[in-house]
Amino acid sequence: MMRAAIYVELLFRLLYEGGLRIGEAISLWVEDFDIGKNVITVRKSKTSDGENEKFMCLLRL
């Protein structure tokens, strides 16, 4: 039960604080989080530039 609560909290924080769309947040993999560089790579993005990939700062939990 506790694991599900952490997953839901992280998902909501990515959506709200990170400005991610639902599809972008759900499609994230563990490999997309680079702790050393403090970056999250969003591969399936709908950016206004027309690119399919964007980078954002990692949230502080």
Protein backbone atom coordinates (compact mmCIF):
# COMPACT_ATOMS: atom_id res chain seq x y z
CA MET A 1 0.00 0.00 0.00
CA MET A 2 2.79 2.40 0.88
CA ARG A 3 4.52 1.81 -2.48
CA ALA A 4 1.37 2.80 -4.40
CA ALA A 5 1.06 6.01 -2.37
CA ILE A 6 4.64 7.01 -3.22
CA TYR A 7 4.04 6.30 -6.91
CA VAL A 8 0.88 8.44 -6.96
CA GLU A 9 2.59 11.30 -5.10
CA LEU A 10 5.52 11.27 -7.52
CA LEU A 11 3.17 11.20 -10.51
CA PHE A 12 1.18 14.19 -9.24
CA ARG A 13 4.35 16.14 -8.45
CA LEU A 14 5.68 15.51 -11.96
CA LEU A 15 2.40 16.69 -13.45
CA TYR A 16 1.95 19.76 -11.27
CA GLU A 17 5.45 20.98 -10.41
CA GLY A 18 7.16 19.72 -13.55
CA GLY A 19 4.47 20.81 -15.97
CA LEU A 20 4.36 17.40 -17.64
CA ARG A 21 1.37 16.09 -19.51
CA ILE A 22 -0.16 12.81 -18.34
CA GLY A 23 1.16 10.90 -21.36
CA GLU A 24 4.67 12.28 -20.82
CA ALA A 25 4.72 11.36 -17.13
CA ILE A 26 3.36 7.85 -17.64
CA SER A 27 5.86 7.09 -20.42
CA LEU A 28 8.91 7.86 -18.22
CA TRP A 29 11.38 5.06 -17.48
CA VAL A 30 13.93 4.82 -14.66
CA GLU A 31 16.67 5.51 -17.24
CA ASP A 32 15.10 8.92 -17.97
CA PHE A 33 16.07 10.22 -14.50
CA ASP A 34 19.71 11.41 -14.42
CA ILE A 35 20.42 12.10 -10.75
CA GLY A 36 24.00 13.23 -11.43
CA LYS A 37 22.92 15.99 -13.82
CA ASN A 38 19.59 16.72 -12.06
CA VAL A 39 17.71 16.19 -15.33
CA ILE A 40 14.67 14.24 -16.49
CA THR A 41 14.54 13.33 -20.17
CA VAL A 42 11.02 13.33 -21.61
CA ARG A 43 11.11 11.30 -24.81
CA LYS A 44 7.50 11.45 -26.00
CA SER A 45 6.94 15.18 -25.82
CA LYS A 46 4.65 17.53 -27.71
CA THR A 47 6.83 20.64 -27.50
CA SER A 48 6.04 23.75 -29.50
CA ASP A 49 9.39 23.35 -31.28
CA GLY A 50 8.15 20.15 -32.88
CA GLU A 51 10.91 18.10 -31.29
CA ASN A 52 10.03 14.77 -29.69
CA GLU A 53 12.37 15.14 -26.71
CA LYS A 54 12.74 17.72 -23.96
CA PHE A 55 14.73 18.06 -20.76
CA MET A 56 13.62 19.42 -17.41
CA CYS A 57 15.18 19.96 -14.00
CA LEU A 58 14.78 17.15 -11.50
CA LEU A 59 12.39 17.85 -8.65
CA ARG A 60 13.59 17.91 -5.07
CA LEU A 61 11.59 15.36 -3.08
